[in-house]
Amino acid sequence: MSDQRSLARWVYMGAAVLGAAVIVSVPVLVAPHRPRPPDPTWIVVVTVAATLAMAWAMGFVTLAFRRLDEFQRAAGKFAWYWGGSLGLAVSLPIYVFILLGGLHWLDPVHFHLGAELAVAFRLGYGLAVVSIGLGYLVALGVWRITRQ
């Protein structure tokens, strides 16, 4: 029984990754984007594809998670919490180094400075950090509501 559960878990995780990759790649393969200016239709199509890919992946990852025993679930939660927290903590000095022009300092030919790049980088990093925080708060709220 354990081998079947393990095999099912790996099949679900494979389906999550491969299916999401196919879904997000279809718009690129069917109608390649032309450079400049950004086409609003293209932006919406690729955004919808990315949303569908994440929904697909989350569905199959949930099925895989349900195949874990209690010890494996606890190990996964521990690894995600501490690994994610430490990874985020380690990324802050790297973020500051890049934002302040550290890559330009190391290799000025390939890494250029600019206000637009700094804003984009700041937004990208901020989006990840805020999304992690909001995801944590939502999950904590759901957990507390369903456990009472």
C-alpha atoms as a PDB file:
ATOM      1  CA  MET A   1       0.000   0.000   0.000  1.00  0.00           C
ATOM      2  CA  SER A   2       2.822   2.384   0.874  1.00  0.00           C
ATOM      3  CA  ASP A   3       4.515   1.847  -2.501  1.00  0.00           C
ATOM      4  CA  GLN A   4       1.249   2.608  -4.318  1.00  0.00           C
ATOM      5  CA  ARG A   5       0.783   5.802  -2.300  1.00  0.00           C
ATOM      6  CA  SER A   6       4.364   6.825  -3.023  1.00  0.00           C
ATOM      7  CA  LEU A   7       4.003   6.106  -6.733  1.00  0.00           C
ATOM      8  CA  ALA A   8       0.705   8.011  -6.874  1.00  0.00           C
ATOM      9  CA  ARG A   9       2.328  10.968  -5.115  1.00  0.00           C
ATOM     10  CA  TRP A  10       5.170  11.102  -7.647  1.00  0.00           C
ATOM     11  CA  VAL A  11       2.724  10.777 -10.550  1.00  0.00           C
ATOM     12  CA  TYR A  12       0.653  13.654  -9.159  1.00  0.00           C
ATOM     13  CA  MET A  13       3.720  15.841  -8.672  1.00  0.00           C
ATOM     14  CA  GLY A  14       4.921  15.051 -12.194  1.00  0.00           C
ATOM     15  CA  ALA A  15       1.488  15.861 -13.591  1.00  0.00           C
ATOM     16  CA  ALA A  16       1.534  19.143 -11.654  1.00  0.00           C
ATOM     17  CA  VAL A  17       4.871  20.269 -13.091  1.00  0.00           C
ATOM     18  CA  LEU A  18       4.494  18.964 -16.642  1.00  0.00           C
ATOM     19  CA  GLY A  19       0.866  20.024 -16.982  1.00  0.00           C
ATOM     20  CA  ALA A  20       1.575  23.530 -15.706  1.00  0.00           C
ATOM     21  CA  ALA A  21       4.557  23.849 -18.049  1.00  0.00           C
ATOM     22  CA  VAL A  22       2.438  22.823 -21.036  1.00  0.00           C
ATOM     23  CA  ILE A  23      -0.426  25.157 -20.102  1.00  0.00           C
ATOM     24  CA  VAL A  24       1.821  28.188 -19.679  1.00  0.00           C
ATOM     25  CA  SER A  25       3.782  27.353 -22.855  1.00  0.00           C
ATOM     26  CA  VAL A  26       0.809  27.003 -25.216  1.00  0.00           C
ATOM     27  CA  PRO A  27       0.324  30.749 -25.870  1.00  0.00           C
ATOM     28  CA  VAL A  28       4.029  31.180 -26.545  1.00  0.00           C
ATOM     29  CA  LEU A  29       4.088  28.284 -29.005  1.00  0.00           C
ATOM     30  CA  VAL A  30       0.803  29.113 -30.743  1.00  0.00           C
ATOM     31  CA  ALA A  31       1.204  32.871 -31.076  1.00  0.00           C
ATOM     32  CA  PRO A  32       4.704  34.131 -30.303  1.00  0.00           C
ATOM     33  CA  HIS A  33       4.889  37.625 -28.853  1.00  0.00           C
ATOM     34  CA  ARG A  34       6.262  40.373 -31.037  1.00  0.00           C
ATOM     35  CA  PRO A  35       8.604  42.833 -29.329  1.00  0.00           C
ATOM     36  CA  ARG A  36       7.367  46.328 -28.509  1.00  0.00           C
ATOM     37  CA  PRO A  37       4.872  47.726 -27.797  1.00  0.00           C
ATOM     38  CA  PRO A  38       3.216  45.279 -25.384  1.00  0.00           C
ATOM     39  CA  ASP A  39      -0.021  43.938 -26.819  1.00  0.00           C
ATOM     40  CA  PRO A  40      -2.819  43.990 -24.197  1.00  0.00           C
ATOM     41  CA  THR A  41      -4.416  40.852 -25.654  1.00  0.00           C
ATOM     42  CA  TRP A  42      -1.113  38.981 -25.437  1.00  0.00           C
ATOM     43  CA  ILE A  43      -0.640  40.105 -21.829  1.00  0.00           C
ATOM     44  CA  VAL A  44      -4.127  38.891 -20.867  1.00  0.00           C
ATOM     45  CA  VAL A  45      -3.753  35.549 -22.675  1.00  0.00           C
ATOM     46  CA  VAL A  46      -0.411  34.746 -21.045  1.00  0.00           C
ATOM     47  CA  THR A  47      -1.672  35.903 -17.631  1.00  0.00           C
ATOM     48  CA  VAL A  48      -4.745  33.664 -17.935  1.00  0.00           C
ATOM     49  CA  ALA A  49      -2.511  30.762 -19.004  1.00  0.00           C
ATOM     50  CA  ALA A  50      -0.266  31.335 -15.971  1.00  0.00           C
ATOM     51  CA  THR A  51      -3.328  31.413 -13.705  1.00  0.00           C
ATOM     52  CA  LEU A  52      -4.649  28.159 -15.196  1.00  0.00           C
ATOM     53  CA  ALA A  53      -1.196  26.575 -14.879  1.00  0.00           C
ATOM     54  CA  MET A  54      -1.023  27.447 -11.180  1.00  0.00           C
ATOM     55  CA  ALA A  55      -4.563  26.155 -10.575  1.00  0.00           C
ATOM     56  CA  TRP A  56      -3.622  22.904 -12.346  1.00  0.00           C
ATOM     57  CA  ALA A  57      -0.418  22.577 -10.329  1.00  0.00           C
ATOM     58  CA  MET A  58      -2.132  23.335  -7.012  1.00  0.00           C
ATOM     59  CA  GLY A  59      -4.799  20.709  -7.717  1.00  0.00           C
ATOM     60  CA  PHE A  60      -2.253  17.985  -8.348  1.00  0.00           C
ATOM     61  CA  VAL A  61       0.066  19.082  -5.535  1.00  0.00           C
ATOM     62  CA  THR A  62      -2.918  18.872  -3.170  1.00  0.00           C
ATOM     63  CA  LEU A  63      -3.574  15.310  -4.358  1.00  0.00           C
ATOM     64  CA  ALA A  64       0.104  14.488  -3.803  1.00  0.00           C
ATOM     65  CA  PHE A  65       0.070  16.026  -0.315  1.00  0.00           C
ATOM     66  CA  ARG A  66      -2.932  13.901   0.633  1.00  0.00           C
ATOM     67  CA  ARG A  67      -0.896  10.783  -0.190  1.00  0.00           C
ATOM     68  CA  LEU A  68       1.693  11.636   2.480  1.00  0.00           C
ATOM     69  CA  ASP A  69       1.612  10.003   5.901  1.00  0.00           C
ATOM     70  CA  GLU A  70       1.649  12.117   9.064  1.00  0.00           C
ATOM     71  CA  PHE A  71       5.448  12.013   9.445  1.00  0.00           C
ATOM     72  CA  GLN A  72       6.022  13.059   5.813  1.00  0.00           C
ATOM     73  CA  ARG A  73       3.514  15.902   6.144  1.00  0.00           C
ATOM     74  CA  ALA A  74       5.232  17.179   9.283  1.00  0.00           C
ATOM     75  CA  ALA A  75       8.621  16.988   7.538  1.00  0.00           C
ATOM     76  CA  GLY A  76       7.245  18.890   4.541  1.00  0.00           C
ATOM     77  CA  LYS A  77       5.725  21.599   6.706  1.00  0.00           C
ATOM     78  CA  PHE A  78       8.968  21.958   8.669  1.00  0.00           C
ATOM     79  CA  ALA A  79      11.023  22.191   5.478  1.00  0.00           C
ATOM     80  CA  TRP A  80       8.687  24.724   3.850  1.00  0.00           C
ATOM     81  CA  TYR A  81       8.488  26.904   6.956  1.00  0.00           C
ATOM     82  CA  TRP A  82      12.155  26.952   7.886  1.00  0.00           C
ATOM     83  CA  GLY A  83      13.534  26.610   4.367  1.00  0.00           C
ATOM     84  CA  GLY A  84      11.239  29.350   3.069  1.00  0.00           C
ATOM     85  CA  SER A  85      11.967  31.631   6.020  1.00  0.00           C
ATOM     86  CA  LEU A  86      15.724  31.179   5.780  1.00  0.00           C
ATOM     87  CA  GLY A  87      15.651  31.503   1.992  1.00  0.00           C
ATOM     88  CA  LEU A  88      13.744  34.767   2.280  1.00  0.00           C
ATOM     89  CA  ALA A  89      16.130  36.022   4.968  1.00  0.00           C
ATOM     90  CA  VAL A  90      19.171  35.186   2.834  1.00  0.00           C
ATOM     91  CA  SER A  91      17.628  36.918  -0.178  1.00  0.00           C
ATOM     92  CA  LEU A  92      17.431  40.327   1.536  1.00  0.00           C
ATOM     93  CA  PRO A  93      21.170  41.154   1.495  1.00  0.00           C
ATOM     94  CA  ILE A  94      21.362  39.858  -2.091  1.00  0.00           C
ATOM     95  CA  TYR A  95      18.407  42.069  -3.017  1.00  0.00           C
ATOM     96  CA  VAL A  96      20.059  45.127  -1.430  1.00  0.00           C
ATOM     97  CA  PHE A  97      23.370  44.374  -3.184  1.00  0.00           C
ATOM     98  CA  ILE A  98      21.667  44.146  -6.592  1.00  0.00           C
ATOM     99  CA  LEU A  99      19.376  47.141  -5.996  1.00  0.00           C
ATOM    100  CA  LEU A 100      22.301  49.375  -5.046  1.00  0.00           C
ATOM    101  CA  GLY A 101      24.203  48.471  -8.202  1.00  0.00           C
ATOM    102  CA  GLY A 102      26.378  45.614  -7.024  1.00  0.00           C
ATOM    103  CA  LEU A 103      26.058  43.714 -10.300  1.00  0.00           C
ATOM    104  CA  HIS A 104      27.037  46.829 -12.244  1.00  0.00           C
ATOM    105  CA  TRP A 105      30.026  47.230  -9.962  1.00  0.00           C
ATOM    106  CA  LEU A 106      31.062  43.601 -10.636  1.00  0.00           C
ATOM    107  CA  ASP A 107      30.385  43.602 -14.398  1.00  0.00           C
ATOM    108  CA  PRO A 108      29.510  47.047 -15.812  1.00  0.00           C
ATOM    109  CA  VAL A 109      29.353  45.807 -19.409  1.00  0.00           C
ATOM    110  CA  HIS A 110      26.491  43.366 -18.818  1.00  0.00           C
ATOM    111  CA  PHE A 111      24.616  44.973 -15.918  1.00  0.00           C
ATOM    112  CA  HIS A 112      23.397  48.528 -16.369  1.00  0.00           C
ATOM    113  CA  LEU A 113      22.043  50.945 -13.804  1.00  0.00           C
ATOM    114  CA  GLY A 114      18.780  52.768 -14.222  1.00  0.00           C
ATOM    115  CA  ALA A 115      15.758  54.029 -12.331  1.00  0.00           C
ATOM    116  CA  GLU A 116      13.339  51.888 -14.377  1.00  0.00           C
ATOM    117  CA  LEU A 117      15.327  48.728 -13.669  1.00  0.00           C
ATOM    118  CA  ALA A 118      15.507  49.563  -9.976  1.00  0.00           C
ATOM    119  CA  VAL A 119      11.747  50.127  -9.770  1.00  0.00           C
ATOM    120  CA  ALA A 120      11.017  46.876 -11.626  1.00  0.00           C
ATOM    121  CA  PHE A 121      13.412  44.936  -9.418  1.00  0.00           C
ATOM    122  CA  ARG A 122      11.964  46.515  -6.261  1.00  0.00           C
ATOM    123  CA  LEU A 123       8.419  45.648  -7.369  1.00  0.00           C
ATOM    124  CA  GLY A 124       9.405  42.094  -8.250  1.00  0.00           C
ATOM    125  CA  TYR A 125      11.074  41.447  -4.915  1.00  0.00           C
ATOM    126  CA  GLY A 126       8.285  43.197  -3.038  1.00  0.00           C
ATOM    127  CA  LEU A 127       5.627  41.163  -4.839  1.00  0.00           C
ATOM    128  CA  ALA A 128       7.262  37.927  -3.739  1.00  0.00           C
ATOM    129  CA  VAL A 129       7.698  39.043  -0.121  1.00  0.00           C
ATOM    130  CA  VAL A 130       4.174  40.477   0.169  1.00  0.00           C
ATOM    131  CA  SER A 131       2.662  37.399  -1.510  1.00  0.00           C
ATOM    132  CA  ILE A 132       4.433  35.110   0.945  1.00  0.00           C
ATOM    133  CA  GLY A 133       3.215  37.187   3.886  1.00  0.00           C
ATOM    134  CA  LEU A 134      -0.365  37.393   2.643  1.00  0.00           C
ATOM    135  CA  GLY A 135      -0.400  33.692   1.806  1.00  0.00           C
ATOM    136  CA  TYR A 136       0.754  32.924   5.328  1.00  0.00           C
ATOM    137  CA  LEU A 137      -1.947  35.115   6.862  1.00  0.00           C
ATOM    138  CA  VAL A 138      -4.698  33.591   4.693  1.00  0.00           C
ATOM    139  CA  ALA A 139      -3.559  30.038   5.464  1.00  0.00           C
ATOM    140  CA  LEU A 140      -3.355  30.845   9.178  1.00  0.00           C
ATOM    141  CA  GLY A 141      -6.844  32.356   9.099  1.00  0.00           C
ATOM    142  CA  VAL A 142      -8.301  29.348   7.278  1.00  0.00           C
ATOM    143  CA  TRP A 143      -6.554  26.987   9.680  1.00  0.00           C
ATOM    144  CA  ARG A 144      -7.898  28.810  12.737  1.00  0.00           C
ATOM    145  CA  ILE A 145     -11.447  29.025  11.365  1.00  0.00           C
ATOM    146  CA  THR A 146     -11.582  25.360  10.375  1.00  0.00           C
ATOM    147  CA  ARG A 147      -9.965  24.082  13.582  1.00  0.00           C
ATOM    148  CA  GLN A 148     -12.408  25.765  15.993  1.00  0.00           C
END
